[in-house]
Amino acid sequence: MNAIAAELSTALGRTVTYVDVPYEAWLQDDLKKADLPPHVDEHIATMARLHRDNRYDRATNDVTELLGRPPLGFDHLLRNTPAPQPQGRS
């Protein structure tokens, strides 16, 4: 996550830092307050727990096989994704 924050910093031209929020604090202070349907809440909580436990920490060549070329990388995504625009009031 620190590497992603560094890439965001470069792309945005300002410092972006990663803050490691403890899982239980995030669950109570952020996810529960989002007021999502229970099944969505549980799904997101499970995915976050699996990420925390490095259960998704593996590399494959699936993208290369599907696209017939290597992935372009996070820096390409940052350079080619428009910045979100503020929403106007209705």
PDB file of N, CA and C in Angstrom:
ATOM      1  N   MET A   1       0.818  -1.191   0.000  1.00  0.00           N
ATOM      2  CA  MET A   1       0.000   0.000   0.000  1.00  0.00           C
ATOM      3  C   MET A   1       0.866   1.260   0.000  1.00  0.00           C
ATOM      4  N   ASN A   2       2.028   1.190   0.617  1.00  0.00           N
ATOM      5  CA  ASN A   2       2.933   2.342   0.577  1.00  0.00           C
ATOM      6  C   ASN A   2       3.403   2.611  -0.851  1.00  0.00           C
ATOM      7  N   ALA A   3       3.627   1.563  -1.627  1.00  0.00           N
ATOM      8  CA  ALA A   3       4.040   1.736  -3.025  1.00  0.00           C
ATOM      9  C   ALA A   3       2.922   2.384  -3.835  1.00  0.00           C
ATOM     10  N   ILE A   4       1.685   1.989  -3.584  1.00  0.00           N
ATOM     11  CA  ILE A   4       0.550   2.601  -4.282  1.00  0.00           C
ATOM     12  C   ILE A   4       0.429   4.072  -3.891  1.00  0.00           C
ATOM     13  N   ALA A   5       0.603   4.373  -2.616  1.00  0.00           N
ATOM     14  CA  ALA A   5       0.552   5.768  -2.171  1.00  0.00           C
ATOM     15  C   ALA A   5       1.650   6.580  -2.864  1.00  0.00           C
ATOM     16  N   ALA A   6       2.832   5.996  -3.038  1.00  0.00           N
ATOM     17  CA  ALA A   6       3.926   6.699  -3.730  1.00  0.00           C
ATOM     18  C   ALA A   6       3.567   6.948  -5.192  1.00  0.00           C
ATOM     19  N   GLU A   7       2.954   5.964  -5.852  1.00  0.00           N
ATOM     20  CA  GLU A   7       2.534   6.149  -7.245  1.00  0.00           C
ATOM     21  C   GLU A   7       1.451   7.223  -7.347  1.00  0.00           C
ATOM     22  N   LEU A   8       0.513   7.218  -6.407  1.00  0.00           N
ATOM     23  CA  LEU A   8      -0.517   8.266  -6.395  1.00  0.00           C
ATOM     24  C   LEU A   8       0.122   9.639  -6.179  1.00  0.00           C
ATOM     25  N   SER A   9       1.095   9.709  -5.288  1.00  0.00           N
ATOM     26  CA  SER A   9       1.791  10.975  -5.035  1.00  0.00           C
ATOM     27  C   SER A   9       2.419  11.513  -6.309  1.00  0.00           C
ATOM     28  N   THR A  10       3.092  10.643  -7.046  1.00  0.00           N
ATOM     29  CA  THR A  10       3.728  11.052  -8.300  1.00  0.00           C
ATOM     30  C   THR A  10       2.688  11.510  -9.310  1.00  0.00           C
ATOM     31  N   ALA A  11       1.626  10.735  -9.454  1.00  0.00           N
ATOM     32  CA  ALA A  11       0.597  11.061 -10.445  1.00  0.00           C
ATOM     33  C   ALA A  11      -0.143  12.347 -10.114  1.00  0.00           C
ATOM     34  N   LEU A  12      -0.379  12.602  -8.835  1.00  0.00           N
ATOM     35  CA  LEU A  12      -1.152  13.769  -8.424  1.00  0.00           C
ATOM     36  C   LEU A  12      -0.298  15.003  -8.155  1.00  0.00           C
ATOM     37  N   GLY A  13       1.006  14.798  -8.038  1.00  0.00           N
ATOM     38  CA  GLY A  13       1.889  15.918  -7.756  1.00  0.00           C
ATOM     39  C   GLY A  13       1.778  16.434  -6.329  1.00  0.00           C
ATOM     40  N   ARG A  14       1.328  15.587  -5.431  1.00  0.00           N
ATOM     41  CA  ARG A  14       1.255  15.950  -4.015  1.00  0.00           C
ATOM     42  C   ARG A  14       1.429  14.674  -3.200  1.00  0.00           C
ATOM     43  N   THR A  15       1.731  14.836  -1.940  1.00  0.00           N
ATOM     44  CA  THR A  15       2.006  13.674  -1.093  1.00  0.00           C
ATOM     45  C   THR A  15       0.716  12.958  -0.704  1.00  0.00           C
ATOM     46  N   VAL A  16       0.712  11.661  -0.936  1.00  0.00           N
ATOM     47  CA  VAL A  16      -0.377  10.784  -0.495  1.00  0.00           C
ATOM     48  C   VAL A  16       0.270   9.752   0.416  1.00  0.00           C
ATOM     49  N   THR A  17      -0.279   9.574   1.600  1.00  0.00           N
ATOM     50  CA  THR A  17       0.279   8.596   2.532  1.00  0.00           C
ATOM     51  C   THR A  17      -0.749   7.511   2.829  1.00  0.00           C
ATOM     52  N   TYR A  18      -0.236   6.339   3.099  1.00  0.00           N
ATOM     53  CA  TYR A  18      -1.072   5.198   3.481  1.00  0.00           C
ATOM     54  C   TYR A  18      -1.144   5.150   4.998  1.00  0.00           C
ATOM     55  N   VAL A  19      -2.344   4.987   5.518  1.00  0.00           N
ATOM     56  CA  VAL A  19      -2.554   4.840   6.949  1.00  0.00           C
ATOM     57  C   VAL A  19      -3.168   3.470   7.179  1.00  0.00           C
ATOM     58  N   ASP A  20      -2.478   2.654   7.943  1.00  0.00           N
ATOM     59  CA  ASP A  20      -2.957   1.308   8.239  1.00  0.00           C
ATOM     60  C   ASP A  20      -3.962   1.370   9.387  1.00  0.00           C
ATOM     61  N   VAL A  21      -5.227   1.303   9.057  1.00  0.00           N
ATOM     62  CA  VAL A  21      -6.285   1.351  10.072  1.00  0.00           C
ATOM     63  C   VAL A  21      -6.546  -0.075  10.553  1.00  0.00           C
ATOM     64  N   PRO A  22      -6.498  -0.322  11.840  1.00  0.00           N
ATOM     65  CA  PRO A  22      -6.785  -1.667  12.348  1.00  0.00           C
ATOM     66  C   PRO A  22      -8.169  -2.151  11.883  1.00  0.00           C
ATOM     67  N   TYR A  23      -8.249  -3.418  11.537  1.00  0.00           N
ATOM     68  CA  TYR A  23      -9.463  -4.007  10.967  1.00  0.00           C
ATOM     69  C   TYR A  23     -10.695  -3.739  11.828  1.00  0.00           C
ATOM     70  N   GLU A  24     -10.626  -4.010  13.116  1.00  0.00           N
ATOM     71  CA  GLU A  24     -11.800  -3.843  13.986  1.00  0.00           C
ATOM     72  C   GLU A  24     -12.251  -2.386  14.046  1.00  0.00           C
ATOM     73  N   ALA A  25     -11.292  -1.471  14.096  1.00  0.00           N
ATOM     74  CA  ALA A  25     -11.643  -0.044  14.110  1.00  0.00           C
ATOM     75  C   ALA A  25     -12.317   0.347  12.798  1.00  0.00           C
ATOM     76  N   TRP A  26     -11.766  -0.120  11.675  1.00  0.00           N
ATOM     77  CA  TRP A  26     -12.360   0.175  10.364  1.00  0.00           C
ATOM     78  C   TRP A  26     -13.774  -0.398  10.280  1.00  0.00           C
ATOM     79  N   LEU A  27     -13.938  -1.613  10.784  1.00  0.00           N
ATOM     80  CA  LEU A  27     -15.248  -2.262  10.739  1.00  0.00           C
ATOM     81  C   LEU A  27     -16.293  -1.432  11.472  1.00  0.00           C
ATOM     82  N   GLN A  28     -15.970  -0.987  12.682  1.00  0.00           N
ATOM     83  CA  GLN A  28     -16.929  -0.238  13.493  1.00  0.00           C
ATOM     84  C   GLN A  28     -17.056   1.226  13.074  1.00  0.00           C
ATOM     85  N   ASP A  29     -15.920   1.862  12.786  1.00  0.00           N
ATOM     86  CA  ASP A  29     -15.927   3.304  12.531  1.00  0.00           C
ATOM     87  C   ASP A  29     -16.272   3.682  11.097  1.00  0.00           C
ATOM     88  N   ASP A  30     -16.077   2.772  10.157  1.00  0.00           N
ATOM     89  CA  ASP A  30     -16.287   3.117   8.752  1.00  0.00           C
ATOM     90  C   ASP A  30     -17.331   2.232   8.076  1.00  0.00           C
ATOM     91  N   LEU A  31     -17.078   0.932   8.059  1.00  0.00           N
ATOM     92  CA  LEU A  31     -17.964   0.055   7.296  1.00  0.00           C
ATOM     93  C   LEU A  31     -19.376   0.024   7.873  1.00  0.00           C
ATOM     94  N   LYS A  32     -19.511  -0.156   9.160  1.00  0.00           N
ATOM     95  CA  LYS A  32     -20.849  -0.240   9.764  1.00  0.00           C
ATOM     96  C   LYS A  32     -21.635   1.057   9.568  1.00  0.00           C
ATOM     97  N   LYS A  33     -20.938   2.186   9.565  1.00  0.00           N
ATOM     98  CA  LYS A  33     -21.605   3.479   9.395  1.00  0.00           C
ATOM     99  C   LYS A  33     -22.031   3.735   7.949  1.00  0.00           C
ATOM    100  N   ALA A  34     -21.567   2.918   7.005  1.00  0.00           N
ATOM    101  CA  ALA A  34     -21.943   3.095   5.600  1.00  0.00           C
ATOM    102  C   ALA A  34     -23.384   2.660   5.356  1.00  0.00           C
ATOM    103  N   ASP A  35     -23.956   1.949   6.322  1.00  0.00           N
ATOM    104  CA  ASP A  35     -25.357   1.526   6.256  1.00  0.00           C
ATOM    105  C   ASP A  35     -25.666   0.753   4.977  1.00  0.00           C
ATOM    106  N   LEU A  36     -24.829  -0.224   4.680  1.00  0.00           N
ATOM    107  CA  LEU A  36     -25.019  -1.077   3.508  1.00  0.00           C
ATOM    108  C   LEU A  36     -25.949  -2.231   3.844  1.00  0.00           C
ATOM    109  N   PRO A  37     -26.559  -2.852   2.836  1.00  0.00           N
ATOM    110  CA  PRO A  37     -27.346  -4.054   3.113  1.00  0.00           C
ATOM    111  C   PRO A  37     -26.458  -5.098   3.800  1.00  0.00           C
ATOM    112  N   PRO A  38     -27.012  -5.886   4.697  1.00  0.00           N
ATOM    113  CA  PRO A  38     -26.190  -6.839   5.464  1.00  0.00           C
ATOM    114  C   PRO A  38     -25.303  -7.741   4.611  1.00  0.00           C
ATOM    115  N   HIS A  39     -25.819  -8.258   3.484  1.00  0.00           N
ATOM    116  CA  HIS A  39     -25.003  -9.173   2.679  1.00  0.00           C
ATOM    117  C   HIS A  39     -23.820  -8.441   2.032  1.00  0.00           C
ATOM    118  N   VAL A  40     -23.982  -7.172   1.689  1.00  0.00           N
ATOM    119  CA  VAL A  40     -22.888  -6.385   1.114  1.00  0.00           C
ATOM    120  C   VAL A  40     -21.871  -6.072   2.214  1.00  0.00           C
ATOM    121  N   ASP A  41     -22.356  -5.689   3.359  1.00  0.00           N
ATOM    122  CA  ASP A  41     -21.515  -5.404   4.511  1.00  0.00           C
ATOM    123  C   ASP A  41     -20.636  -6.608   4.838  1.00  0.00           C
ATOM    124  N   GLU A  42     -21.235  -7.773   4.906  1.00  0.00           N
ATOM    125  CA  GLU A  42     -20.485  -8.998   5.227  1.00  0.00           C
ATOM    126  C   GLU A  42     -19.474  -9.331   4.139  1.00  0.00           C
ATOM    127  N   HIS A  43     -19.851  -9.142   2.886  1.00  0.00           N
ATOM    128  CA  HIS A  43     -18.948  -9.444   1.776  1.00  0.00           C
ATOM    129  C   HIS A  43     -17.713  -8.542   1.831  1.00  0.00           C
ATOM    130  N   ILE A  44     -17.923  -7.248   2.000  1.00  0.00           N
ATOM    131  CA  ILE A  44     -16.802  -6.309   2.065  1.00  0.00           C
ATOM    132  C   ILE A  44     -15.928  -6.601   3.283  1.00  0.00           C
ATOM    133  N   ALA A  45     -16.541  -6.887   4.415  1.00  0.00           N
ATOM    134  CA  ALA A  45     -15.779  -7.210   5.625  1.00  0.00           C
ATOM    135  C   ALA A  45     -14.940  -8.465   5.416  1.00  0.00           C
ATOM    136  N   THR A  46     -15.501  -9.470   4.749  1.00  0.00           N
ATOM    137  CA  THR A  46     -14.762 -10.706   4.480  1.00  0.00           C
ATOM    138  C   THR A  46     -13.588 -10.452   3.550  1.00  0.00           C
ATOM    139  N   MET A  47     -13.827  -9.685   2.481  1.00  0.00           N
ATOM    140  CA  MET A  47     -12.737  -9.378   1.555  1.00  0.00           C
ATOM    141  C   MET A  47     -11.622  -8.601   2.258  1.00  0.00           C
ATOM    142  N   ALA A  48     -11.978  -7.645   3.102  1.00  0.00           N
ATOM    143  CA  ALA A  48     -10.968  -6.875   3.829  1.00  0.00           C
ATOM    144  C   ALA A  48     -10.167  -7.785   4.761  1.00  0.00           C
ATOM    145  N   ARG A  49     -10.858  -8.698   5.437  1.00  0.00           N
ATOM    146  CA  ARG A  49     -10.162  -9.624   6.335  1.00  0.00           C
ATOM    147  C   ARG A  49      -9.205 -10.523   5.560  1.00  0.00           C
ATOM    148  N   LEU A  50      -9.637 -11.016   4.405  1.00  0.00           N
ATOM    149  CA  LEU A  50      -8.778 -11.871   3.585  1.00  0.00           C
ATOM    150  C   LEU A  50      -7.565 -11.093   3.069  1.00  0.00           C
ATOM    151  N   HIS A  51      -7.760  -9.837   2.688  1.00  0.00           N
ATOM    152  CA  HIS A  51      -6.629  -9.002   2.279  1.00  0.00           C
ATOM    153  C   HIS A  51      -5.671  -8.808   3.454  1.00  0.00           C
ATOM    154  N   ARG A  52      -6.226  -8.509   4.619  1.00  0.00           N
ATOM    155  CA  ARG A  52      -5.394  -8.302   5.807  1.00  0.00           C
ATOM    156  C   ARG A  52      -4.539  -9.537   6.076  1.00  0.00           C
ATOM    157  N   ASP A  53      -5.106 -10.709   5.858  1.00  0.00           N
ATOM    158  CA  ASP A  53      -4.415 -11.970   6.125  1.00  0.00           C
ATOM    159  C   ASP A  53      -3.567 -12.448   4.943  1.00  0.00           C
ATOM    160  N   ASN A  54      -3.402 -11.575   3.927  1.00  0.00           N
ATOM    161  CA  ASN A  54      -2.620 -11.885   2.721  1.00  0.00           C
ATOM    162  C   ASN A  54      -3.136 -13.092   1.947  1.00  0.00           C
ATOM    163  N   ARG A  55      -4.418 -13.342   2.025  1.00  0.00           N
ATOM    164  CA  ARG A  55      -4.998 -14.468   1.289  1.00  0.00           C
ATOM    165  C   ARG A  55      -5.109 -14.184  -0.214  1.00  0.00           C
ATOM    166  N   TYR A  56      -5.036 -12.906  -0.596  1.00  0.00           N
ATOM    167  CA  TYR A  56      -5.077 -12.545  -2.013  1.00  0.00           C
ATOM    168  C   TYR A  56      -3.689 -12.204  -2.543  1.00  0.00           C
ATOM    169  N   ASP A  57      -2.662 -12.417  -1.759  1.00  0.00           N
ATOM    170  CA  ASP A  57      -1.308 -12.028  -2.123  1.00  0.00           C
ATOM    171  C   ASP A  57      -0.650 -13.111  -2.972  1.00  0.00           C
ATOM    172  N   ARG A  58      -0.994 -13.094  -4.243  1.00  0.00           N
ATOM    173  CA  ARG A  58      -0.396 -14.054  -5.160  1.00  0.00           C
ATOM    174  C   ARG A  58      -0.402 -13.455  -6.561  1.00  0.00           C
ATOM    175  N   ALA A  59       0.560 -13.860  -7.328  1.00  0.00           N
ATOM    176  CA  ALA A  59       0.670 -13.352  -8.693  1.00  0.00           C
ATOM    177  C   ALA A  59       0.281 -14.455  -9.667  1.00  0.00           C
ATOM    178  N   THR A  60      -0.424 -14.072 -10.700  1.00  0.00           N
ATOM    179  CA  THR A  60      -0.754 -15.000 -11.785  1.00  0.00           C
ATOM    180  C   THR A  60      -0.450 -14.300 -13.100  1.00  0.00           C
ATOM    181  N   ASN A  61      -0.492 -15.030 -14.176  1.00  0.00           N
ATOM    182  CA  ASN A  61      -0.345 -14.417 -15.492  1.00  0.00           C
ATOM    183  C   ASN A  61      -1.683 -14.434 -16.232  1.00  0.00           C
ATOM    184  N   ASP A  62      -2.780 -14.462 -15.480  1.00  0.00           N
ATOM    185  CA  ASP A  62      -4.115 -14.520 -16.075  1.00  0.00           C
ATOM    186  C   ASP A  62      -4.407 -13.330 -16.984  1.00  0.00           C
ATOM    187  N   VAL A  63      -4.033 -12.126 -16.563  1.00  0.00           N
ATOM    188  CA  VAL A  63      -4.305 -10.944 -17.383  1.00  0.00           C
ATOM    189  C   VAL A  63      -3.548 -11.037 -18.703  1.00  0.00           C
ATOM    190  N   THR A  64      -2.294 -11.428 -18.642  1.00  0.00           N
ATOM    191  CA  THR A  64      -1.499 -11.581 -19.862  1.00  0.00           C
ATOM    192  C   THR A  64      -2.118 -12.613 -20.788  1.00  0.00           C
ATOM    193  N   GLU A  65      -2.562 -13.724 -20.225  1.00  0.00           N
ATOM    194  CA  GLU A  65      -3.184 -14.763 -21.046  1.00  0.00           C
ATOM    195  C   GLU A  65      -4.500 -14.294 -21.655  1.00  0.00           C
ATOM    196  N   LEU A  66      -5.299 -13.566 -20.890  1.00  0.00           N
ATOM    197  CA  LEU A  66      -6.584 -13.083 -21.403  1.00  0.00           C
ATOM    198  C   LEU A  66      -6.427 -12.006 -22.464  1.00  0.00           C
ATOM    199  N   LEU A  67      -5.483 -11.078 -22.238  1.00  0.00           N
ATOM    200  CA  LEU A  67      -5.319  -9.950 -23.155  1.00  0.00           C
ATOM    201  C   LEU A  67      -4.329 -10.210 -24.282  1.00  0.00           C
ATOM    202  N   GLY A  68      -3.479 -11.203 -24.087  1.00  0.00           N
ATOM    203  CA  GLY A  68      -2.447 -11.463 -25.088  1.00  0.00           C
ATOM    204  C   GLY A  68      -1.287 -10.482 -24.986  1.00  0.00           C
ATOM    205  N   ARG A  69      -1.198  -9.759 -23.873  1.00  0.00           N
ATOM    206  CA  ARG A  69      -0.110  -8.811 -23.603  1.00  0.00           C
ATOM    207  C   ARG A  69      -0.007  -8.639 -22.098  1.00  0.00           C
ATOM    208  N   PRO A  70       1.132  -8.143 -21.629  1.00  0.00           N
ATOM    209  CA  PRO A  70       1.255  -7.909 -20.182  1.00  0.00           C
ATOM    210  C   PRO A  70       0.312  -6.794 -19.725  1.00  0.00           C
ATOM    211  N   PRO A  71      -0.057  -6.792 -18.459  1.00  0.00           N
ATOM    212  CA  PRO A  71      -0.877  -5.688 -17.943  1.00  0.00           C
ATOM    213  C   PRO A  71      -0.103  -4.377 -18.037  1.00  0.00           C
ATOM    214  N   LEU A  72      -0.831  -3.279 -18.115  1.00  0.00           N
ATOM    215  CA  LEU A  72      -0.195  -1.977 -18.303  1.00  0.00           C
ATOM    216  C   LEU A  72       0.317  -1.369 -17.005  1.00  0.00           C
ATOM    217  N   GLY A  73      -0.222  -1.764 -15.871  1.00  0.00           N
ATOM    218  CA  GLY A  73       0.286  -1.290 -14.592  1.00  0.00           C
ATOM    219  C   GLY A  73      -0.568  -0.200 -13.973  1.00  0.00           C
ATOM    220  N   PHE A  74      -0.348  -0.024 -12.695  1.00  0.00           N
ATOM    221  CA  PHE A  74      -1.121   0.937 -11.914  1.00  0.00           C
ATOM    222  C   PHE A  74      -0.849   2.363 -12.384  1.00  0.00           C
ATOM    223  N   ASP A  75       0.405   2.667 -12.747  1.00  0.00           N
ATOM    224  CA  ASP A  75       0.731   4.011 -13.209  1.00  0.00           C
ATOM    225  C   ASP A  75      -0.042   4.374 -14.478  1.00  0.00           C
ATOM    226  N   HIS A  76      -0.240   3.419 -15.366  1.00  0.00           N
ATOM    227  CA  HIS A  76      -1.037   3.660 -16.583  1.00  0.00           C
ATOM    228  C   HIS A  76      -2.485   3.963 -16.216  1.00  0.00           C
ATOM    229  N   LEU A  77      -3.031   3.210 -15.277  1.00  0.00           N
ATOM    230  CA  LEU A  77      -4.399   3.453 -14.820  1.00  0.00           C
ATOM    231  C   LEU A  77      -4.533   4.872 -14.272  1.00  0.00           C
ATOM    232  N   LEU A  78      -3.579   5.291 -13.467  1.00  0.00           N
ATOM    233  CA  LEU A  78      -3.629   6.628 -12.879  1.00  0.00           C
ATOM    234  C   LEU A  78      -3.553   7.722 -13.942  1.00  0.00           C
ATOM    235  N   ARG A  79      -2.691   7.533 -14.925  1.00  0.00           N
ATOM    236  CA  ARG A  79      -2.538   8.544 -15.975  1.00  0.00           C
ATOM    237  C   ARG A  79      -3.750   8.624 -16.895  1.00  0.00           C
ATOM    238  N   ASN A  80      -4.498   7.528 -17.032  1.00  0.00           N
ATOM    239  CA  ASN A  80      -5.558   7.469 -18.030  1.00  0.00           C
ATOM    240  C   ASN A  80      -6.971   7.402 -17.460  1.00  0.00           C
ATOM    241  N   THR A  81      -7.117   7.653 -16.174  1.00  0.00           N
ATOM    242  CA  THR A  81      -8.434   7.680 -15.549  1.00  0.00           C
ATOM    243  C   THR A  81      -8.781   9.115 -15.192  1.00  0.00           C
ATOM    244  N   PRO A  82      -9.877   9.627 -15.714  1.00  0.00           N
ATOM    245  CA  PRO A  82     -10.247  11.007 -15.397  1.00  0.00           C
ATOM    246  C   PRO A  82     -10.483  11.193 -13.896  1.00  0.00           C
ATOM    247  N   ALA A  83     -10.133  12.359 -13.418  1.00  0.00           N
ATOM    248  CA  ALA A  83     -10.350  12.685 -12.015  1.00  0.00           C
ATOM    249  C   ALA A  83     -11.852  12.788 -11.759  1.00  0.00           C
ATOM    250  N   PRO A  84     -12.317  12.320 -10.597  1.00  0.00           N
ATOM    251  CA  PRO A  84     -13.743  12.464 -10.284  1.00  0.00           C
ATOM    252  C   PRO A  84     -14.115  13.951 -10.230  1.00  0.00           C
ATOM    253  N   GLN A  85     -15.283  14.253 -10.681  1.00  0.00           N
ATOM    254  CA  GLN A  85     -15.783  15.628 -10.665  1.00  0.00           C
ATOM    255  C   GLN A  85     -16.777  15.784  -9.552  1.00  0.00           C
ATOM    256  N   PRO A  86     -16.784  16.933  -8.873  1.00  0.00           N
ATOM    257  CA  PRO A  86     -17.767  17.152  -7.800  1.00  0.00           C
ATOM    258  C   PRO A  86     -19.183  17.041  -8.346  1.00  0.00           C
ATOM    259  N   GLN A  87     -20.045  16.448  -7.555  1.00  0.00           N
ATOM    260  CA  GLN A  87     -21.446  16.300  -7.934  1.00  0.00           C
ATOM    261  C   GLN A  87     -22.195  17.576  -7.586  1.00  0.00           C
ATOM    262  N   GLY A  88     -23.008  18.069  -8.517  1.00  0.00           N
ATOM    263  CA  GLY A  88     -23.845  19.232  -8.249  1.00  0.00           C
ATOM    264  C   GLY A  88     -25.055  18.836  -7.420  1.00  0.00           C
ATOM    265  N   ARG A  89     -25.619  19.779  -6.768  1.00  0.00           N
ATOM    266  CA  ARG A  89     -26.823  19.504  -5.959  1.00  0.00           C
ATOM    267  C   ARG A  89     -28.043  19.495  -6.853  1.00  0.00           C
ATOM    268  N   SER A  90     -28.980  18.619  -6.571  1.00  0.00           N
ATOM    269  CA  SER A  90     -30.208  18.537  -7.358  1.00  0.00           C
ATOM    270  C   SER A  90     -31.250  19.470  -6.830  1.00  0.00           C
TER     271      SER A  90
END
